[in-house]
Amino acid sequence: MHRIPTLRIPRAASALVAAAVLSAGLGAAAPVLAGSTGFDTRMAYMLSHVSADPGYKRIPISTSEERVWFSDLAERLYSNKITKEQFVAEGVAKFPGYDASFSTIADLMTQK
């Protein structure tokens, strides 16, 4: 039996992919992230949920700068460096009107 090699990408790169997926609504990228670090696995989990939720309002992350910003913010939340409330507040400060989207992401990223 042949083993299929697992694609592993650096944590920051996976978060950038996640940011692109969140803004574009492309659920197909999520499996690529699974199985790497805990952060990558959690990002994949979150992406699969928001991609499947027809009521989720996609955050309009479109530039490289915004993707890096989102990556850093998500990692700070995942690493318990900020609270869910701080994550949502920072997100809404940059993308007003996306309170529910950031709240959903925060809940999914911090589920035990």
PDB file of N, CA and C in Angstrom:
ATOM      1  N   MET A   1       0.834  -1.176   0.000  1.00  0.00           N
ATOM      2  CA  MET A   1       0.000   0.000   0.000  1.00  0.00           C
ATOM      3  C   MET A   1       0.883   1.246   0.000  1.00  0.00           C
ATOM      4  N   HIS A   2       0.542   2.211  -0.825  1.00  0.00           N
ATOM      5  CA  HIS A   2       1.319   3.449  -0.941  1.00  0.00           C
ATOM      6  C   HIS A   2       0.788   4.485   0.030  1.00  0.00           C
ATOM      7  N   ARG A   3       1.710   5.165   0.665  1.00  0.00           N
ATOM      8  CA  ARG A   3       1.348   6.275   1.536  1.00  0.00           C
ATOM      9  C   ARG A   3       1.355   7.565   0.757  1.00  0.00           C
ATOM     10  N   ILE A   4       0.345   8.347   0.950  1.00  0.00           N
ATOM     11  CA  ILE A   4       0.289   9.662   0.318  1.00  0.00           C
ATOM     12  C   ILE A   4       0.992  10.631   1.256  1.00  0.00           C
ATOM     13  N   PRO A   5       2.015  11.341   0.763  1.00  0.00           N
ATOM     14  CA  PRO A   5       2.722  12.279   1.641  1.00  0.00           C
ATOM     15  C   PRO A   5       1.801  13.409   2.082  1.00  0.00           C
ATOM     16  N   THR A   6       1.954  13.800   3.323  1.00  0.00           N
ATOM     17  CA  THR A   6       1.174  14.907   3.871  1.00  0.00           C
ATOM     18  C   THR A   6       1.877  16.208   3.543  1.00  0.00           C
ATOM     19  N   LEU A   7       1.125  17.129   2.998  1.00  0.00           N
ATOM     20  CA  LEU A   7       1.667  18.451   2.698  1.00  0.00           C
ATOM     21  C   LEU A   7       1.664  19.266   3.974  1.00  0.00           C
ATOM     22  N   ARG A   8       2.826  19.723   4.362  1.00  0.00           N
ATOM     23  CA  ARG A   8       2.935  20.569   5.549  1.00  0.00           C
ATOM     24  C   ARG A   8       3.418  21.937   5.106  1.00  0.00           C
ATOM     25  N   ILE A   9       2.708  22.938   5.563  1.00  0.00           N
ATOM     26  CA  ILE A   9       3.096  24.300   5.230  1.00  0.00           C
ATOM     27  C   ILE A   9       3.317  25.057   6.530  1.00  0.00           C
ATOM     28  N   PRO A  10       4.184  26.044   6.524  1.00  0.00           N
ATOM     29  CA  PRO A  10       4.464  26.796   7.749  1.00  0.00           C
ATOM     30  C   PRO A  10       3.196  27.422   8.322  1.00  0.00           C
ATOM     31  N   ARG A  11       3.187  27.583   9.634  1.00  0.00           N
ATOM     32  CA  ARG A  11       2.022  28.107  10.345  1.00  0.00           C
ATOM     33  C   ARG A  11       1.549  29.429   9.762  1.00  0.00           C
ATOM     34  N   ALA A  12       2.439  30.358   9.546  1.00  0.00           N
ATOM     35  CA  ALA A  12       2.035  31.662   9.022  1.00  0.00           C
ATOM     36  C   ALA A  12       1.433  31.517   7.639  1.00  0.00           C
ATOM     37  N   ALA A  13       1.998  30.642   6.827  1.00  0.00           N
ATOM     38  CA  ALA A  13       1.460  30.437   5.480  1.00  0.00           C
ATOM     39  C   ALA A  13       0.056  29.860   5.546  1.00  0.00           C
ATOM     40  N   SER A  14      -0.164  28.926   6.470  1.00  0.00           N
ATOM     41  CA  SER A  14      -1.500  28.332   6.568  1.00  0.00           C
ATOM     42  C   SER A  14      -2.513  29.374   7.015  1.00  0.00           C
ATOM     43  N   ALA A  15      -2.109  30.260   7.887  1.00  0.00           N
ATOM     44  CA  ALA A  15      -3.020  31.311   8.324  1.00  0.00           C
ATOM     45  C   ALA A  15      -3.315  32.271   7.187  1.00  0.00           C
ATOM     46  N   LEU A  16      -2.338  32.521   6.343  1.00  0.00           N
ATOM     47  CA  LEU A  16      -2.577  33.377   5.180  1.00  0.00           C
ATOM     48  C   LEU A  16      -3.556  32.714   4.226  1.00  0.00           C
ATOM     49  N   VAL A  17      -3.402  31.406   4.045  1.00  0.00           N
ATOM     50  CA  VAL A  17      -4.356  30.666   3.220  1.00  0.00           C
ATOM     51  C   VAL A  17      -5.746  30.772   3.841  1.00  0.00           C
ATOM     52  N   ALA A  18      -5.808  30.634   5.159  1.00  0.00           N
ATOM     53  CA  ALA A  18      -7.092  30.737   5.855  1.00  0.00           C
ATOM     54  C   ALA A  18      -7.725  32.103   5.634  1.00  0.00           C
ATOM     55  N   ALA A  19      -6.925  33.151   5.712  1.00  0.00           N
ATOM     56  CA  ALA A  19      -7.454  34.495   5.493  1.00  0.00           C
ATOM     57  C   ALA A  19      -8.014  34.625   4.088  1.00  0.00           C
ATOM     58  N   ALA A  20      -7.310  34.057   3.130  1.00  0.00           N
ATOM     59  CA  ALA A  20      -7.797  34.093   1.749  1.00  0.00           C
ATOM     60  C   ALA A  20      -9.091  33.308   1.617  1.00  0.00           C
ATOM     61  N   VAL A  21      -9.149  32.166   2.274  1.00  0.00           N
ATOM     62  CA  VAL A  21     -10.346  31.339   2.226  1.00  0.00           C
ATOM     63  C   VAL A  21     -11.516  32.054   2.877  1.00  0.00           C
ATOM     64  N   LEU A  22     -11.271  32.697   3.991  1.00  0.00           N
ATOM     65  CA  LEU A  22     -12.341  33.416   4.682  1.00  0.00           C
ATOM     66  C   LEU A  22     -12.929  34.507   3.801  1.00  0.00           C
ATOM     67  N   SER A  23     -12.084  35.186   3.075  1.00  0.00           N
ATOM     68  CA  SER A  23     -12.579  36.286   2.261  1.00  0.00           C
ATOM     69  C   SER A  23     -13.162  35.805   0.943  1.00  0.00           C
ATOM     70  N   ALA A  24     -12.657  34.688   0.432  1.00  0.00           N
ATOM     71  CA  ALA A  24     -13.133  34.200  -0.859  1.00  0.00           C
ATOM     72  C   ALA A  24     -14.197  33.131  -0.734  1.00  0.00           C
ATOM     73  N   GLY A  25     -14.302  32.519   0.436  1.00  0.00           N
ATOM     74  CA  GLY A  25     -15.300  31.488   0.635  1.00  0.00           C
ATOM     75  C   GLY A  25     -14.943  30.171  -0.026  1.00  0.00           C
ATOM     76  N   LEU A  26     -13.673  29.863  -0.145  1.00  0.00           N
ATOM     77  CA  LEU A  26     -13.231  28.643  -0.799  1.00  0.00           C
ATOM     78  C   LEU A  26     -12.941  27.565   0.233  1.00  0.00           C
ATOM     79  N   GLY A  27     -13.843  26.650   0.428  1.00  0.00           N
ATOM     80  CA  GLY A  27     -13.679  25.605   1.419  1.00  0.00           C
ATOM     81  C   GLY A  27     -12.672  24.551   1.027  1.00  0.00           C
ATOM     82  N   ALA A  28     -12.287  24.474  -0.221  1.00  0.00           N
ATOM     83  CA  ALA A  28     -11.396  23.419  -0.694  1.00  0.00           C
ATOM     84  C   ALA A  28      -9.994  23.500  -0.109  1.00  0.00           C
ATOM     85  N   ALA A  29      -9.578  24.634   0.366  1.00  0.00           N
ATOM     86  CA  ALA A  29      -8.222  24.757   0.893  1.00  0.00           C
ATOM     87  C   ALA A  29      -8.074  24.178   2.291  1.00  0.00           C
ATOM     88  N   ALA A  30      -9.171  23.990   2.990  1.00  0.00           N
ATOM     89  CA  ALA A  30      -9.094  23.523   4.374  1.00  0.00           C
ATOM     90  C   ALA A  30      -8.387  22.188   4.540  1.00  0.00           C
ATOM     91  N   PRO A  31      -8.639  21.154   3.717  1.00  0.00           N
ATOM     92  CA  PRO A  31      -7.949  19.887   3.929  1.00  0.00           C
ATOM     93  C   PRO A  31      -6.433  19.975   3.805  1.00  0.00           C
ATOM     94  N   VAL A  32      -5.941  20.913   3.039  1.00  0.00           N
ATOM     95  CA  VAL A  32      -4.502  21.074   2.882  1.00  0.00           C
ATOM     96  C   VAL A  32      -3.857  21.432   4.215  1.00  0.00           C
ATOM     97  N   LEU A  33      -4.594  22.152   5.052  1.00  0.00           N
ATOM     98  CA  LEU A  33      -4.043  22.624   6.305  1.00  0.00           C
ATOM     99  C   LEU A  33      -4.047  21.555   7.395  1.00  0.00           C
ATOM    100  N   ALA A  34      -4.950  20.613   7.301  1.00  0.00           N
ATOM    101  CA  ALA A  34      -5.125  19.636   8.385  1.00  0.00           C
ATOM    102  C   ALA A  34      -3.877  18.800   8.595  1.00  0.00           C
ATOM    103  N   GLY A  35      -3.636  18.439   9.843  1.00  0.00           N
ATOM    104  CA  GLY A  35      -2.567  17.514  10.180  1.00  0.00           C
ATOM    105  C   GLY A  35      -1.217  18.146  10.424  1.00  0.00           C
ATOM    106  N   SER A  36      -1.088  19.402  10.343  1.00  0.00           N
ATOM    107  CA  SER A  36       0.188  20.060  10.565  1.00  0.00           C
ATOM    108  C   SER A  36       0.269  20.445  12.033  1.00  0.00           C
ATOM    109  N   THR A  37       0.425  21.679  12.388  1.00  0.00           N
ATOM    110  CA  THR A  37       0.493  22.075  13.797  1.00  0.00           C
ATOM    111  C   THR A  37      -0.911  22.183  14.383  1.00  0.00           C
ATOM    112  N   GLY A  38      -0.988  22.340  15.694  1.00  0.00           N
ATOM    113  CA  GLY A  38      -2.280  22.526  16.344  1.00  0.00           C
ATOM    114  C   GLY A  38      -3.006  23.750  15.816  1.00  0.00           C
ATOM    115  N   PHE A  39      -2.274  24.809  15.560  1.00  0.00           N
ATOM    116  CA  PHE A  39      -2.872  26.021  15.011  1.00  0.00           C
ATOM    117  C   PHE A  39      -3.447  25.748  13.630  1.00  0.00           C
ATOM    118  N   ASP A  40      -2.692  25.057  12.791  1.00  0.00           N
ATOM    119  CA  ASP A  40      -3.165  24.747  11.445  1.00  0.00           C
ATOM    120  C   ASP A  40      -4.423  23.884  11.491  1.00  0.00           C
ATOM    121  N   THR A  41      -4.425  22.920  12.393  1.00  0.00           N
ATOM    122  CA  THR A  41      -5.577  22.037  12.530  1.00  0.00           C
ATOM    123  C   THR A  41      -6.803  22.835  12.973  1.00  0.00           C
ATOM    124  N   ARG A  42      -6.605  23.751  13.914  1.00  0.00           N
ATOM    125  CA  ARG A  42      -7.715  24.570  14.377  1.00  0.00           C
ATOM    126  C   ARG A  42      -8.200  25.502  13.279  1.00  0.00           C
ATOM    127  N   MET A  43      -7.281  26.052  12.492  1.00  0.00           N
ATOM    128  CA  MET A  43      -7.684  26.906  11.363  1.00  0.00           C
ATOM    129  C   MET A  43      -8.512  26.098  10.368  1.00  0.00           C
ATOM    130  N   ALA A  44      -8.090  24.880  10.076  1.00  0.00           N
ATOM    131  CA  ALA A  44      -8.832  24.028   9.144  1.00  0.00           C
ATOM    132  C   ALA A  44     -10.231  23.731   9.685  1.00  0.00           C
ATOM    133  N   TYR A  45     -10.301  23.462  10.984  1.00  0.00           N
ATOM    134  CA  TYR A  45     -11.585  23.212  11.644  1.00  0.00           C
ATOM    135  C   TYR A  45     -12.503  24.423  11.495  1.00  0.00           C
ATOM    136  N   MET A  46     -11.956  25.595  11.801  1.00  0.00           N
ATOM    137  CA  MET A  46     -12.736  26.824  11.705  1.00  0.00           C
ATOM    138  C   MET A  46     -13.190  27.062  10.263  1.00  0.00           C
ATOM    139  N   LEU A  47     -12.284  26.875   9.318  1.00  0.00           N
ATOM    140  CA  LEU A  47     -12.614  27.099   7.908  1.00  0.00           C
ATOM    141  C   LEU A  47     -13.711  26.172   7.421  1.00  0.00           C
ATOM    142  N   SER A  48     -13.644  24.917   7.836  1.00  0.00           N
ATOM    143  CA  SER A  48     -14.671  23.979   7.384  1.00  0.00           C
ATOM    144  C   SER A  48     -16.043  24.394   7.900  1.00  0.00           C
ATOM    145  N   HIS A  49     -16.095  24.923   9.112  1.00  0.00           N
ATOM    146  CA  HIS A  49     -17.371  25.351   9.668  1.00  0.00           C
ATOM    147  C   HIS A  49     -17.909  26.612   8.994  1.00  0.00           C
ATOM    148  N   VAL A  50     -17.066  27.627   8.831  1.00  0.00           N
ATOM    149  CA  VAL A  50     -17.575  28.870   8.229  1.00  0.00           C
ATOM    150  C   VAL A  50     -17.893  28.673   6.750  1.00  0.00           C
ATOM    151  N   SER A  51     -17.151  27.799   6.084  1.00  0.00           N
ATOM    152  CA  SER A  51     -17.421  27.534   4.670  1.00  0.00           C
ATOM    153  C   SER A  51     -18.762  26.830   4.484  1.00  0.00           C
ATOM    154  N   ALA A  52     -19.151  26.018   5.460  1.00  0.00           N
ATOM    155  CA  ALA A  52     -20.403  25.265   5.374  1.00  0.00           C
ATOM    156  C   ALA A  52     -21.603  26.056   5.907  1.00  0.00           C
ATOM    157  N   ASP A  53     -21.351  27.197   6.507  1.00  0.00           N
ATOM    158  CA  ASP A  53     -22.426  27.985   7.108  1.00  0.00           C
ATOM    159  C   ASP A  53     -22.933  29.030   6.112  1.00  0.00           C
ATOM    160  N   PRO A  54     -24.125  28.820   5.559  1.00  0.00           N
ATOM    161  CA  PRO A  54     -24.636  29.773   4.569  1.00  0.00           C
ATOM    162  C   PRO A  54     -24.923  31.158   5.162  1.00  0.00           C
ATOM    163  N   GLY A  55     -25.049  31.245   6.482  1.00  0.00           N
ATOM    164  CA  GLY A  55     -25.317  32.525   7.116  1.00  0.00           C
ATOM    165  C   GLY A  55     -24.066  33.298   7.499  1.00  0.00           C
ATOM    166  N   TYR A  56     -22.895  32.678   7.299  1.00  0.00           N
ATOM    167  CA  TYR A  56     -21.642  33.351   7.657  1.00  0.00           C
ATOM    168  C   TYR A  56     -21.358  34.475   6.661  1.00  0.00           C
ATOM    169  N   LYS A  57     -21.099  35.661   7.184  1.00  0.00           N
ATOM    170  CA  LYS A  57     -20.791  36.830   6.354  1.00  0.00           C
ATOM    171  C   LYS A  57     -19.275  36.895   6.182  1.00  0.00           C
ATOM    172  N   ARG A  58     -18.799  36.656   4.973  1.00  0.00           N
ATOM    173  CA  ARG A  58     -17.359  36.631   4.708  1.00  0.00           C
ATOM    174  C   ARG A  58     -16.721  37.998   4.962  1.00  0.00           C
ATOM    175  N   ILE A  59     -15.598  37.962   5.649  1.00  0.00           N
ATOM    176  CA  ILE A  59     -14.833  39.176   5.936  1.00  0.00           C
ATOM    177  C   ILE A  59     -14.059  39.530   4.658  1.00  0.00           C
ATOM    178  N   PRO A  60     -14.145  40.778   4.199  1.00  0.00           N
ATOM    179  CA  PRO A  60     -13.510  41.147   2.925  1.00  0.00           C
ATOM    180  C   PRO A  60     -11.995  41.368   3.029  1.00  0.00           C
ATOM    181  N   ILE A  61     -11.288  40.325   3.404  1.00  0.00           N
ATOM    182  CA  ILE A  61      -9.826  40.379   3.481  1.00  0.00           C
ATOM    183  C   ILE A  61      -9.315  40.194   2.059  1.00  0.00           C
ATOM    184  N   SER A  62      -8.614  41.191   1.537  1.00  0.00           N
ATOM    185  CA  SER A  62      -8.234  41.100   0.132  1.00  0.00           C
ATOM    186  C   SER A  62      -6.764  41.387  -0.155  1.00  0.00           C
ATOM    187  N   THR A  63      -6.081  42.070   0.720  1.00  0.00           N
ATOM    188  CA  THR A  63      -4.680  42.407   0.440  1.00  0.00           C
ATOM    189  C   THR A  63      -3.738  41.509   1.239  1.00  0.00           C
ATOM    190  N   SER A  64      -2.503  41.465   0.824  1.00  0.00           N
ATOM    191  CA  SER A  64      -1.487  40.713   1.563  1.00  0.00           C
ATOM    192  C   SER A  64      -1.338  41.259   2.975  1.00  0.00           C
ATOM    193  N   GLU A  65      -1.383  42.560   3.109  1.00  0.00           N
ATOM    194  CA  GLU A  65      -1.274  43.189   4.425  1.00  0.00           C
ATOM    195  C   GLU A  65      -2.412  42.738   5.336  1.00  0.00           C
ATOM    196  N   GLU A  66      -3.626  42.693   4.806  1.00  0.00           N
ATOM    197  CA  GLU A  66      -4.774  42.251   5.594  1.00  0.00           C
ATOM    198  C   GLU A  66      -4.655  40.771   5.961  1.00  0.00           C
ATOM    199  N   ARG A  67      -4.129  39.967   5.051  1.00  0.00           N
ATOM    200  CA  ARG A  67      -3.945  38.545   5.341  1.00  0.00           C
ATOM    201  C   ARG A  67      -2.930  38.332   6.464  1.00  0.00           C
ATOM    202  N   VAL A  68      -1.842  39.082   6.435  1.00  0.00           N
ATOM    203  CA  VAL A  68      -0.838  38.988   7.502  1.00  0.00           C
ATOM    204  C   VAL A  68      -1.448  39.460   8.815  1.00  0.00           C
ATOM    205  N   TRP A  69      -2.189  40.553   8.768  1.00  0.00           N
ATOM    206  CA  TRP A  69      -2.854  41.067   9.968  1.00  0.00           C
ATOM    207  C   TRP A  69      -3.780  40.001  10.556  1.00  0.00           C
ATOM    208  N   PHE A  70      -4.609  39.379   9.703  1.00  0.00           N
ATOM    209  CA  PHE A  70      -5.529  38.355  10.192  1.00  0.00           C
ATOM    210  C   PHE A  70      -4.771  37.160  10.763  1.00  0.00           C
ATOM    211  N   SER A  71      -3.730  36.753  10.094  1.00  0.00           N
ATOM    212  CA  SER A  71      -2.909  35.633  10.563  1.00  0.00           C
ATOM    213  C   SER A  71      -2.367  35.904  11.957  1.00  0.00           C
ATOM    214  N   ASP A  72      -1.810  37.078  12.149  1.00  0.00           N
ATOM    215  CA  ASP A  72      -1.262  37.452  13.451  1.00  0.00           C
ATOM    216  C   ASP A  72      -2.355  37.497  14.517  1.00  0.00           C
ATOM    217  N   LEU A  73      -3.488  38.074  14.167  1.00  0.00           N
ATOM    218  CA  LEU A  73      -4.597  38.187  15.107  1.00  0.00           C
ATOM    219  C   LEU A  73      -5.112  36.801  15.507  1.00  0.00           C
ATOM    220  N   ALA A  74      -5.300  35.924  14.534  1.00  0.00           N
ATOM    221  CA  ALA A  74      -5.795  34.572  14.809  1.00  0.00           C
ATOM    222  C   ALA A  74      -4.807  33.782  15.656  1.00  0.00           C
ATOM    223  N   GLU A  75      -3.536  33.929  15.372  1.00  0.00           N
ATOM    224  CA  GLU A  75      -2.540  33.209  16.161  1.00  0.00           C
ATOM    225  C   GLU A  75      -2.471  33.733  17.594  1.00  0.00           C
ATOM    226  N   ARG A  76      -2.617  35.040  17.766  1.00  0.00           N
ATOM    227  CA  ARG A  76      -2.628  35.593  19.119  1.00  0.00           C
ATOM    228  C   ARG A  76      -3.814  35.062  19.917  1.00  0.00           C
ATOM    229  N   LEU A  77      -4.961  34.920  19.259  1.00  0.00           N
ATOM    230  CA  LEU A  77      -6.131  34.351  19.922  1.00  0.00           C
ATOM    231  C   LEU A  77      -5.885  32.887  20.268  1.00  0.00           C
ATOM    232  N   TYR A  78      -5.430  32.117  19.299  1.00  0.00           N
ATOM    233  CA  TYR A  78      -5.189  30.689  19.503  1.00  0.00           C
ATOM    234  C   TYR A  78      -4.168  30.452  20.627  1.00  0.00           C
ATOM    235  N   SER A  79      -3.167  31.308  20.709  1.00  0.00           N
ATOM    236  CA  SER A  79      -2.100  31.174  21.713  1.00  0.00           C
ATOM    237  C   SER A  79      -2.457  31.791  23.060  1.00  0.00           C
ATOM    238  N   ASN A  80      -3.708  32.218  23.205  1.00  0.00           N
ATOM    239  CA  ASN A  80      -4.188  32.830  24.455  1.00  0.00           C
ATOM    240  C   ASN A  80      -3.448  34.111  24.819  1.00  0.00           C
ATOM    241  N   LYS A  81      -2.963  34.825  23.825  1.00  0.00           N
ATOM    242  CA  LYS A  81      -2.306  36.109  24.079  1.00  0.00           C
ATOM    243  C   LYS A  81      -3.324  37.240  24.127  1.00  0.00           C
ATOM    244  N   ILE A  82      -4.504  36.982  23.537  1.00  0.00           N
ATOM    245  CA  ILE A  82      -5.619  37.923  23.614  1.00  0.00           C
ATOM    246  C   ILE A  82      -6.886  37.114  23.879  1.00  0.00           C
ATOM    247  N   THR A  83      -7.899  37.788  24.375  1.00  0.00           N
ATOM    248  CA  THR A  83      -9.183  37.148  24.642  1.00  0.00           C
ATOM    249  C   THR A  83     -10.049  37.164  23.384  1.00  0.00           C
ATOM    250  N   LYS A  84     -11.142  36.412  23.452  1.00  0.00           N
ATOM    251  CA  LYS A  84     -12.095  36.437  22.340  1.00  0.00           C
ATOM    252  C   LYS A  84     -12.631  37.854  22.141  1.00  0.00           C
ATOM    253  N   GLU A  85     -12.887  38.532  23.235  1.00  0.00           N
ATOM    254  CA  GLU A  85     -13.416  39.892  23.149  1.00  0.00           C
ATOM    255  C   GLU A  85     -12.421  40.833  22.468  1.00  0.00           C
ATOM    256  N   GLN A  86     -11.142  40.677  22.805  1.00  0.00           N
ATOM    257  CA  GLN A  86     -10.110  41.510  22.163  1.00  0.00           C
ATOM    258  C   GLN A  86     -10.006  41.167  20.674  1.00  0.00           C
ATOM    259  N   PHE A  87     -10.090  39.881  20.337  1.00  0.00           N
ATOM    260  CA  PHE A  87     -10.042  39.450  18.942  1.00  0.00           C
ATOM    261  C   PHE A  87     -11.172  40.114  18.153  1.00  0.00           C
ATOM    262  N   VAL A  88     -12.382  40.036  18.691  1.00  0.00           N
ATOM    263  CA  VAL A  88     -13.537  40.624  18.005  1.00  0.00           C
ATOM    264  C   VAL A  88     -13.381  42.133  17.900  1.00  0.00           C
ATOM    265  N   ALA A  89     -12.964  42.777  18.979  1.00  0.00           N
ATOM    266  CA  ALA A  89     -12.811  44.240  18.964  1.00  0.00           C
ATOM    267  C   ALA A  89     -11.786  44.682  17.929  1.00  0.00           C
ATOM    268  N   GLU A  90     -10.642  43.997  17.856  1.00  0.00           N
ATOM    269  CA  GLU A  90      -9.617  44.351  16.863  1.00  0.00           C
ATOM    270  C   GLU A  90     -10.117  44.095  15.448  1.00  0.00           C
ATOM    271  N   GLY A  91     -10.845  42.995  15.281  1.00  0.00           N
ATOM    272  CA  GLY A  91     -11.384  42.678  13.964  1.00  0.00           C
ATOM    273  C   GLY A  91     -12.390  43.705  13.490  1.00  0.00           C
ATOM    274  N   VAL A  92     -13.298  44.063  14.376  1.00  0.00           N
ATOM    275  CA  VAL A  92     -14.347  45.027  14.030  1.00  0.00           C
ATOM    276  C   VAL A  92     -13.772  46.430  13.837  1.00  0.00           C
ATOM    277  N   ALA A  93     -12.688  46.739  14.533  1.00  0.00           N
ATOM    278  CA  ALA A  93     -12.055  48.042  14.329  1.00  0.00           C
ATOM    279  C   ALA A  93     -11.528  48.158  12.897  1.00  0.00           C
ATOM    280  N   LYS A  94     -11.060  47.051  12.350  1.00  0.00           N
ATOM    281  CA  LYS A  94     -10.521  47.057  10.982  1.00  0.00           C
ATOM    282  C   LYS A  94     -11.617  46.813   9.943  1.00  0.00           C
ATOM    283  N   PHE A  95     -12.603  45.980  10.298  1.00  0.00           N
ATOM    284  CA  PHE A  95     -13.703  45.637   9.392  1.00  0.00           C
ATOM    285  C   PHE A  95     -15.037  45.865  10.110  1.00  0.00           C
ATOM    286  N   PRO A  96     -15.474  47.124  10.196  1.00  0.00           N
ATOM    287  CA  PRO A  96     -16.742  47.424  10.874  1.00  0.00           C
ATOM    288  C   PRO A  96     -17.907  46.657  10.238  1.00  0.00           C
ATOM    289  N   GLY A  97     -18.823  46.219  11.095  1.00  0.00           N
ATOM    290  CA  GLY A  97     -20.005  45.517  10.604  1.00  0.00           C
ATOM    291  C   GLY A  97     -19.843  44.006  10.521  1.00  0.00           C
ATOM    292  N   TYR A  98     -18.692  43.499  10.896  1.00  0.00           N
ATOM    293  CA  TYR A  98     -18.432  42.054  10.826  1.00  0.00           C
ATOM    294  C   TYR A  98     -18.311  41.443  12.233  1.00  0.00           C
ATOM    295  N   ASP A  99     -19.036  42.017  13.184  1.00  0.00           N
ATOM    296  CA  ASP A  99     -19.013  41.546  14.573  1.00  0.00           C
ATOM    297  C   ASP A  99     -19.326  40.050  14.656  1.00  0.00           C
ATOM    298  N   ALA A 100     -20.418  39.644  14.024  1.00  0.00           N
ATOM    299  CA  ALA A 100     -20.846  38.243  14.092  1.00  0.00           C
ATOM    300  C   ALA A 100     -19.816  37.318  13.461  1.00  0.00           C
ATOM    301  N   SER A 101     -19.191  37.743  12.380  1.00  0.00           N
ATOM    302  CA  SER A 101     -18.177  36.919  11.714  1.00  0.00           C
ATOM    303  C   SER A 101     -16.970  36.709  12.616  1.00  0.00           C
ATOM    304  N   PHE A 102     -16.475  37.782  13.210  1.00  0.00           N
ATOM    305  CA  PHE A 102     -15.324  37.667  14.101  1.00  0.00           C
ATOM    306  C   PHE A 102     -15.675  36.872  15.358  1.00  0.00           C
ATOM    307  N   SER A 103     -16.892  37.045  15.845  1.00  0.00           N
ATOM    308  CA  SER A 103     -17.334  36.297  17.018  1.00  0.00           C
ATOM    309  C   SER A 103     -17.393  34.796  16.717  1.00  0.00           C
ATOM    310  N   THR A 104     -17.909  34.442  15.546  1.00  0.00           N
ATOM    311  CA  THR A 104     -17.960  33.033  15.132  1.00  0.00           C
ATOM    312  C   THR A 104     -16.571  32.452  15.042  1.00  0.00           C
ATOM    313  N   ILE A 105     -15.652  33.172  14.408  1.00  0.00           N
ATOM    314  CA  ILE A 105     -14.275  32.711  14.271  1.00  0.00           C
ATOM    315  C   ILE A 105     -13.650  32.528  15.657  1.00  0.00           C
ATOM    316  N   ALA A 106     -13.856  33.500  16.534  1.00  0.00           N
ATOM    317  CA  ALA A 106     -13.286  33.428  17.884  1.00  0.00           C
ATOM    318  C   ALA A 106     -13.794  32.191  18.617  1.00  0.00           C
ATOM    319  N   ASP A 107     -15.079  31.934  18.527  1.00  0.00           N
ATOM    320  CA  ASP A 107     -15.641  30.752  19.184  1.00  0.00           C
ATOM    321  C   ASP A 107     -15.041  29.471  18.638  1.00  0.00           C
ATOM    322  N   LEU A 108     -14.934  29.372  17.326  1.00  0.00           N
ATOM    323  CA  LEU A 108     -14.389  28.157  16.703  1.00  0.00           C
ATOM    324  C   LEU A 108     -12.903  27.977  16.981  1.00  0.00           C
ATOM    325  N   MET A 109     -12.166  29.074  17.036  1.00  0.00           N
ATOM    326  CA  MET A 109     -10.723  28.989  17.277  1.00  0.00           C
ATOM    327  C   MET A 109     -10.396  28.640  18.721  1.00  0.00           C
ATOM    328  N   THR A 110     -11.327  28.856  19.634  1.00  0.00           N
ATOM    329  CA  THR A 110     -11.021  28.624  21.051  1.00  0.00           C
ATOM    330  C   THR A 110     -11.800  27.454  21.644  1.00  0.00           C
ATOM    331  N   GLN A 111     -12.565  26.739  20.828  1.00  0.00           N
ATOM    332  CA  GLN A 111     -13.294  25.572  21.349  1.00  0.00           C
ATOM    333  C   GLN A 111     -12.339  24.530  21.864  1.00  0.00           C
ATOM    334  N   LYS A 112     -12.732  23.897  22.938  1.00  0.00           N
ATOM    335  CA  LYS A 112     -11.920  22.809  23.508  1.00  0.00           C
ATOM    336  C   LYS A 112     -12.413  21.486  22.996  1.00  0.00           C
TER     337      LYS A 112
END
